[in-house]
PDB file of N, CA and C in Angstrom:
ATOM      1  N   MET A   1     -22.963 -10.977  50.425  1.00  0.00           N
ATOM      2  CA  MET A   1     -22.536 -10.575  49.102  1.00  0.00           C
ATOM      3  C   MET A   1     -23.313  -9.346  48.632  1.00  0.00           C
ATOM      4  N   SER A   2     -24.565  -9.337  48.887  1.00  0.00           N
ATOM      5  CA  SER A   2     -25.392  -8.218  48.446  1.00  0.00           C
ATOM      6  C   SER A   2     -24.920  -6.904  49.051  1.00  0.00           C
ATOM      7  N   ASN A   3     -24.589  -6.915  50.344  1.00  0.00           N
ATOM      8  CA  ASN A   3     -24.099  -5.697  51.000  1.00  0.00           C
ATOM      9  C   ASN A   3     -22.783  -5.223  50.396  1.00  0.00           C
ATOM     10  N   ILE A   4     -21.916  -6.164  50.034  1.00  0.00           N
ATOM     11  CA  ILE A   4     -20.647  -5.801  49.398  1.00  0.00           C
ATOM     12  C   ILE A   4     -20.919  -5.225  48.019  1.00  0.00           C
ATOM     13  N   GLU A   5     -21.768  -5.882  47.246  1.00  0.00           N
ATOM     14  CA  GLU A   5     -22.089  -5.413  45.894  1.00  0.00           C
ATOM     15  C   GLU A   5     -22.705  -4.016  45.905  1.00  0.00           C
ATOM     16  N   ARG A   6     -23.495  -3.731  46.928  1.00  0.00           N
ATOM     17  CA  ARG A   6     -24.156  -2.423  47.010  1.00  0.00           C
ATOM     18  C   ARG A   6     -23.344  -1.403  47.799  1.00  0.00           C
ATOM     19  N   ALA A   7     -22.108  -1.755  48.143  1.00  0.00           N
ATOM     20  CA  ALA A   7     -21.184  -0.879  48.879  1.00  0.00           C
ATOM     21  C   ALA A   7     -21.739  -0.463  50.243  1.00  0.00           C
ATOM     22  N   ILE A   8     -22.508  -1.358  50.841  1.00  0.00           N
ATOM     23  CA  ILE A   8     -23.028  -1.100  52.187  1.00  0.00           C
ATOM     24  C   ILE A   8     -21.993  -1.526  53.225  1.00  0.00           C
ATOM     25  N   SER A   9     -21.264  -2.591  52.923  1.00  0.00           N
ATOM     26  CA  SER A   9     -20.202  -3.027  53.827  1.00  0.00           C
ATOM     27  C   SER A   9     -18.927  -3.295  53.031  1.00  0.00           C
ATOM     28  N   ILE A  10     -17.812  -3.203  53.731  1.00  0.00           N
ATOM     29  CA  ILE A  10     -16.506  -3.439  53.117  1.00  0.00           C
ATOM     30  C   ILE A  10     -16.024  -4.806  53.587  1.00  0.00           C
ATOM     31  N   PRO A  11     -15.658  -5.681  52.658  1.00  0.00           N
ATOM     32  CA  PRO A  11     -15.221  -7.017  53.075  1.00  0.00           C
ATOM     33  C   PRO A  11     -13.849  -6.991  53.736  1.00  0.00           C
ATOM     34  N   SER A  12     -13.643  -7.904  54.662  1.00  0.00           N
ATOM     35  CA  SER A  12     -12.334  -8.037  55.309  1.00  0.00           C
ATOM     36  C   SER A  12     -11.347  -8.650  54.315  1.00  0.00           C
ATOM     37  N   THR A  13     -10.082  -8.601  54.661  1.00  0.00           N
ATOM     38  CA  THR A  13      -9.050  -9.227  53.834  1.00  0.00           C
ATOM     39  C   THR A  13      -9.343 -10.707  53.657  1.00  0.00           C
ATOM     40  N   GLU A  14      -9.761 -11.344  54.728  1.00  0.00           N
ATOM     41  CA  GLU A  14     -10.075 -12.772  54.671  1.00  0.00           C
ATOM     42  C   GLU A  14     -11.208 -13.050  53.688  1.00  0.00           C
ATOM     43  N   VAL A  15     -12.243 -12.239  53.713  1.00  0.00           N
ATOM     44  CA  VAL A  15     -13.372 -12.418  52.805  1.00  0.00           C
ATOM     45  C   VAL A  15     -12.941 -12.179  51.361  1.00  0.00           C
ATOM     46  N   ILE A  16     -12.120 -11.158  51.136  1.00  0.00           N
ATOM     47  CA  ILE A  16     -11.629 -10.882  49.786  1.00  0.00           C
ATOM     48  C   ILE A  16     -10.833 -12.075  49.266  1.00  0.00           C
ATOM     49  N   MET A  17      -9.977 -12.636  50.114  1.00  0.00           N
ATOM     50  CA  MET A  17      -9.180 -13.790  49.698  1.00  0.00           C
ATOM     51  C   MET A  17     -10.074 -14.989  49.385  1.00  0.00           C
ATOM     52  N   LYS A  18     -11.079 -15.227  50.205  1.00  0.00           N
ATOM     53  CA  LYS A  18     -11.999 -16.343  49.962  1.00  0.00           C
ATOM     54  C   LYS A  18     -12.788 -16.132  48.673  1.00  0.00           C
ATOM     55  N   LEU A  19     -13.245 -14.901  48.450  1.00  0.00           N
ATOM     56  CA  LEU A  19     -13.983 -14.608  47.214  1.00  0.00           C
ATOM     57  C   LEU A  19     -13.103 -14.793  45.987  1.00  0.00           C
ATOM     58  N   ALA A  20     -11.888 -14.295  46.058  1.00  0.00           N
ATOM     59  CA  ALA A  20     -10.968 -14.429  44.924  1.00  0.00           C
ATOM     60  C   ALA A  20     -10.693 -15.898  44.637  1.00  0.00           C
ATOM     61  N   LEU A  21     -10.496 -16.681  45.684  1.00  0.00           N
ATOM     62  CA  LEU A  21     -10.241 -18.105  45.508  1.00  0.00           C
ATOM     63  C   LEU A  21     -11.477 -18.793  44.916  1.00  0.00           C
ATOM     64  N   ALA A  22     -12.653 -18.478  45.445  1.00  0.00           N
ATOM     65  CA  ALA A  22     -13.892 -19.079  44.946  1.00  0.00           C
ATOM     66  C   ALA A  22     -14.161 -18.694  43.490  1.00  0.00           C
ATOM     67  N   LEU A  23     -13.785 -17.473  43.121  1.00  0.00           N
ATOM     68  CA  LEU A  23     -14.012 -16.993  41.755  1.00  0.00           C
ATOM     69  C   LEU A  23     -12.837 -17.312  40.832  1.00  0.00           C
ATOM     70  N   ASP A  24     -11.855 -18.020  41.367  1.00  0.00           N
ATOM     71  CA  ASP A  24     -10.667 -18.421  40.604  1.00  0.00           C
ATOM     72  C   ASP A  24      -9.990 -17.224  39.947  1.00  0.00           C
ATOM     73  N   THR A  25      -9.756 -16.196  40.759  1.00  0.00           N
ATOM     74  CA  THR A  25      -9.099 -14.993  40.266  1.00  0.00           C
ATOM     75  C   THR A  25      -8.093 -14.504  41.300  1.00  0.00           C
ATOM     76  N   ALA A  26      -7.234 -13.602  40.887  1.00  0.00           N
ATOM     77  CA  ALA A  26      -6.285 -12.990  41.819  1.00  0.00           C
ATOM     78  C   ALA A  26      -6.987 -11.873  42.582  1.00  0.00           C
ATOM     79  N   PRO A  27      -6.634 -11.677  43.846  1.00  0.00           N
ATOM     80  CA  PRO A  27      -7.285 -10.624  44.618  1.00  0.00           C
ATOM     81  C   PRO A  27      -7.170  -9.233  43.978  1.00  0.00           C
ATOM     82  N   ASP A  28      -6.027  -8.878  43.382  1.00  0.00           N
ATOM     83  CA  ASP A  28      -5.943  -7.537  42.804  1.00  0.00           C
ATOM     84  C   ASP A  28      -6.798  -7.429  41.550  1.00  0.00           C
ATOM     85  N   GLY A  29      -6.966  -8.513  40.819  1.00  0.00           N
ATOM     86  CA  GLY A  29      -7.890  -8.491  39.680  1.00  0.00           C
ATOM     87  C   GLY A  29      -9.321  -8.300  40.148  1.00  0.00           C
ATOM     88  N   PHE A  30      -9.637  -8.912  41.262  1.00  0.00           N
ATOM     89  CA  PHE A  30     -10.963  -8.793  41.859  1.00  0.00           C
ATOM     90  C   PHE A  30     -11.201  -7.367  42.363  1.00  0.00           C
ATOM     91  N   LEU A  31     -10.159  -6.751  42.919  1.00  0.00           N
ATOM     92  CA  LEU A  31     -10.300  -5.421  43.510  1.00  0.00           C
ATOM     93  C   LEU A  31     -10.129  -4.278  42.511  1.00  0.00           C
ATOM     94  N   VAL A  32      -9.115  -4.365  41.647  1.00  0.00           N
ATOM     95  CA  VAL A  32      -8.831  -3.238  40.753  1.00  0.00           C
ATOM     96  C   VAL A  32      -8.936  -3.582  39.271  1.00  0.00           C
ATOM     97  N   GLY A  33      -9.200  -4.837  38.960  1.00  0.00           N
ATOM     98  CA  GLY A  33      -9.447  -5.203  37.576  1.00  0.00           C
ATOM     99  C   GLY A  33      -8.251  -5.685  36.784  1.00  0.00           C
ATOM    100  N   THR A  34      -7.050  -5.632  37.353  1.00  0.00           N
ATOM    101  CA  THR A  34      -5.880  -6.133  36.645  1.00  0.00           C
ATOM    102  C   THR A  34      -4.978  -6.861  37.614  1.00  0.00           C
ATOM    103  N   SER A  35      -4.278  -7.835  37.099  1.00  0.00           N
ATOM    104  CA  SER A  35      -3.345  -8.588  37.923  1.00  0.00           C
ATOM    105  C   SER A  35      -1.931  -8.318  37.444  1.00  0.00           C
ATOM    106  N   ARG A  36      -1.087  -7.893  38.363  1.00  0.00           N
ATOM    107  CA  ARG A  36       0.304  -7.621  38.020  1.00  0.00           C
ATOM    108  C   ARG A  36       1.185  -8.840  38.258  1.00  0.00           C
ATOM    109  N   TRP A  37       0.701  -9.805  38.993  1.00  0.00           N
ATOM    110  CA  TRP A  37       1.462 -11.016  39.285  1.00  0.00           C
ATOM    111  C   TRP A  37       0.869 -12.172  38.506  1.00  0.00           C
ATOM    112  N   PRO A  38       1.712 -13.139  38.153  1.00  0.00           N
ATOM    113  CA  PRO A  38       1.165 -14.353  37.535  1.00  0.00           C
ATOM    114  C   PRO A  38       0.193 -15.039  38.497  1.00  0.00           C
ATOM    115  N   GLU A  39      -0.796 -15.680  37.955  1.00  0.00           N
ATOM    116  CA  GLU A  39      -1.844 -16.324  38.760  1.00  0.00           C
ATOM    117  C   GLU A  39      -1.265 -17.295  39.794  1.00  0.00           C
ATOM    118  N   GLU A  40      -0.221 -18.049  39.434  1.00  0.00           N
ATOM    119  CA  GLU A  40       0.340 -19.016  40.378  1.00  0.00           C
ATOM    120  C   GLU A  40       0.946 -18.330  41.602  1.00  0.00           C
ATOM    121  N   ASP A  41       1.458 -17.101  41.449  1.00  0.00           N
ATOM    122  CA  ASP A  41       1.976 -16.357  42.598  1.00  0.00           C
ATOM    123  C   ASP A  41       0.852 -15.998  43.553  1.00  0.00           C
ATOM    124  N   TRP A  42      -0.279 -15.544  43.009  1.00  0.00           N
ATOM    125  CA  TRP A  42      -1.422 -15.196  43.852  1.00  0.00           C
ATOM    126  C   TRP A  42      -1.949 -16.414  44.579  1.00  0.00           C
ATOM    127  N   ARG A  43      -1.991 -17.530  43.882  1.00  0.00           N
ATOM    128  CA  ARG A  43      -2.493 -18.753  44.519  1.00  0.00           C
ATOM    129  C   ARG A  43      -1.599 -19.155  45.694  1.00  0.00           C
ATOM    130  N   SER A  44      -0.297 -19.023  45.520  1.00  0.00           N
ATOM    131  CA  SER A  44       0.646 -19.355  46.585  1.00  0.00           C
ATOM    132  C   SER A  44       0.405 -18.468  47.810  1.00  0.00           C
ATOM    133  N   VAL A  45       0.232 -17.172  47.582  1.00  0.00           N
ATOM    134  CA  VAL A  45      -0.035 -16.234  48.678  1.00  0.00           C
ATOM    135  C   VAL A  45      -1.383 -16.545  49.325  1.00  0.00           C
ATOM    136  N   ALA A  46      -2.392 -16.791  48.499  1.00  0.00           N
ATOM    137  CA  ALA A  46      -3.730 -17.084  49.026  1.00  0.00           C
ATOM    138  C   ALA A  46      -3.719 -18.340  49.889  1.00  0.00           C
ATOM    139  N   GLU A  47      -3.010 -19.359  49.462  1.00  0.00           N
ATOM    140  CA  GLU A  47      -2.936 -20.592  50.244  1.00  0.00           C
ATOM    141  C   GLU A  47      -2.267 -20.353  51.595  1.00  0.00           C
ATOM    142  N   LYS A  48      -1.247 -19.540  51.618  1.00  0.00           N
ATOM    143  CA  LYS A  48      -0.581 -19.225  52.887  1.00  0.00           C
ATOM    144  C   LYS A  48      -1.504 -18.419  53.796  1.00  0.00           C
ATOM    145  N   LEU A  49      -2.236 -17.464  53.225  1.00  0.00           N
ATOM    146  CA  LEU A  49      -3.150 -16.651  54.027  1.00  0.00           C
ATOM    147  C   LEU A  49      -4.286 -17.480  54.612  1.00  0.00           C
ATOM    148  N   ARG A  50      -4.700 -18.498  53.908  1.00  0.00           N
ATOM    149  CA  ARG A  50      -5.809 -19.343  54.391  1.00  0.00           C
ATOM    150  C   ARG A  50      -5.470 -20.058  55.687  1.00  0.00           C
ATOM    151  N   THR A  51      -4.185 -20.256  55.960  1.00  0.00           N
ATOM    152  CA  THR A  51      -3.790 -20.981  57.164  1.00  0.00           C
ATOM    153  C   THR A  51      -3.653 -20.081  58.385  1.00  0.00           C
ATOM    154  N   LEU A  52      -3.752 -18.766  58.204  1.00  0.00           N
ATOM    155  CA  LEU A  52      -3.534 -17.828  59.303  1.00  0.00           C
ATOM    156  C   LEU A  52      -4.780 -17.658  60.156  1.00  0.00           C
ATOM    157  N   ASN A  53      -4.556 -17.363  61.434  1.00  0.00           N
ATOM    158  CA  ASN A  53      -5.690 -17.065  62.313  1.00  0.00           C
ATOM    159  C   ASN A  53      -6.038 -15.576  62.180  1.00  0.00           C
ATOM    160  N   ALA A  54      -7.068 -15.137  62.863  1.00  0.00           N
ATOM    161  CA  ALA A  54      -7.548 -13.755  62.736  1.00  0.00           C
ATOM    162  C   ALA A  54      -6.471 -12.737  63.107  1.00  0.00           C
ATOM    163  N   GLY A  55      -5.723 -12.997  64.162  1.00  0.00           N
ATOM    164  CA  GLY A  55      -4.663 -12.074  64.574  1.00  0.00           C
ATOM    165  C   GLY A  55      -3.559 -11.973  63.532  1.00  0.00           C
ATOM    166  N   GLN A  56      -3.192 -13.108  62.982  1.00  0.00           N
ATOM    167  CA  GLN A  56      -2.158 -13.113  61.947  1.00  0.00           C
ATOM    168  C   GLN A  56      -2.638 -12.393  60.686  1.00  0.00           C
ATOM    169  N   LEU A  57      -3.904 -12.588  60.311  1.00  0.00           N
ATOM    170  CA  LEU A  57      -4.443 -11.885  59.146  1.00  0.00           C
ATOM    171  C   LEU A  57      -4.454 -10.373  59.364  1.00  0.00           C
ATOM    172  N   GLU A  58      -4.755  -9.949  60.583  1.00  0.00           N
ATOM    173  CA  GLU A  58      -4.734  -8.520  60.896  1.00  0.00           C
ATOM    174  C   GLU A  58      -3.317  -7.978  60.764  1.00  0.00           C
ATOM    175  N   LEU A  59      -2.334  -8.724  61.214  1.00  0.00           N
ATOM    176  CA  LEU A  59      -0.942  -8.319  61.075  1.00  0.00           C
ATOM    177  C   LEU A  59      -0.558  -8.184  59.598  1.00  0.00           C
ATOM    178  N   VAL A  60      -0.983  -9.139  58.781  1.00  0.00           N
ATOM    179  CA  VAL A  60      -0.715  -9.084  57.338  1.00  0.00           C
ATOM    180  C   VAL A  60      -1.388  -7.857  56.734  1.00  0.00           C
ATOM    181  N   ARG A  61      -2.628  -7.587  57.120  1.00  0.00           N
ATOM    182  CA  ARG A  61      -3.342  -6.421  56.605  1.00  0.00           C
ATOM    183  C   ARG A  61      -2.600  -5.137  56.947  1.00  0.00           C
ATOM    184  N   ARG A  62      -2.121  -5.044  58.184  1.00  0.00           N
ATOM    185  CA  ARG A  62      -1.365  -3.854  58.603  1.00  0.00           C
ATOM    186  C   ARG A  62      -0.063  -3.715  57.813  1.00  0.00           C
ATOM    187  N   PHE A  63       0.606  -4.841  57.592  1.00  0.00           N
ATOM    188  CA  PHE A  63       1.839  -4.810  56.805  1.00  0.00           C
ATOM    189  C   PHE A  63       1.559  -4.343  55.377  1.00  0.00           C
ATOM    190  N   ILE A  64       0.493  -4.845  54.786  1.00  0.00           N
ATOM    191  CA  ILE A  64       0.127  -4.440  53.423  1.00  0.00           C
ATOM    192  C   ILE A  64      -0.190  -2.947  53.388  1.00  0.00           C
ATOM    193  N   ASP A  65      -0.928  -2.463  54.383  1.00  0.00           N
ATOM    194  CA  ASP A  65      -1.227  -1.031  54.456  1.00  0.00           C
ATOM    195  C   ASP A  65       0.054  -0.214  54.550  1.00  0.00           C
ATOM    196  N   LEU A  66       0.989  -0.648  55.390  1.00  0.00           N
ATOM    197  CA  LEU A  66       2.261   0.046  55.550  1.00  0.00           C
ATOM    198  C   LEU A  66       3.056   0.013  54.254  1.00  0.00           C
ATOM    199  N   ALA A  67       3.139  -1.138  53.626  1.00  0.00           N
ATOM    200  CA  ALA A  67       3.879  -1.269  52.371  1.00  0.00           C
ATOM    201  C   ALA A  67       3.255  -0.402  51.281  1.00  0.00           C
ATOM    202  N   ALA A  68       1.941  -0.323  51.240  1.00  0.00           N
ATOM    203  CA  ALA A  68       1.251   0.473  50.208  1.00  0.00           C
ATOM    204  C   ALA A  68       1.518   1.971  50.382  1.00  0.00           C
ATOM    205  N   GLU A  69       1.828   2.393  51.585  1.00  0.00           N
ATOM    206  CA  GLU A  69       2.094   3.807  51.840  1.00  0.00           C
ATOM    207  C   GLU A  69       3.505   4.219  51.424  1.00  0.00           C
ATOM    208  N   GLN A  70       4.380   3.248  51.201  1.00  0.00           N
ATOM    209  CA  GLN A  70       5.778   3.531  50.867  1.00  0.00           C
ATOM    210  C   GLN A  70       5.905   3.918  49.384  1.00  0.00           C
ATOM    211  N   PRO A  71       6.761   4.913  49.101  1.00  0.00           N
ATOM    212  CA  PRO A  71       6.959   5.286  47.693  1.00  0.00           C
ATOM    213  C   PRO A  71       7.649   4.148  46.937  1.00  0.00           C
ATOM    214  N   LEU A  72       7.303   4.025  45.688  1.00  0.00           N
ATOM    215  CA  LEU A  72       7.910   2.967  44.850  1.00  0.00           C
ATOM    216  C   LEU A  72       9.282   3.356  44.380  1.00  0.00           C
TER     217      LEU A  72
END
């Protein structure tokens, strides 16, 4: 946690999801300070992500990166 707080290391998607769940917050609120989705939607996504293995989480991360690059 200290390394993340001091910007020495960047947490993985899995760590961000675990932190958000432990802090009872949505991941985007944790990352950017605001949540655009209702809390129950984030919880549903977080619960699904918790069941994925490392390879599946990497695939999700890549998909999110690709989706974020697309114009709205």
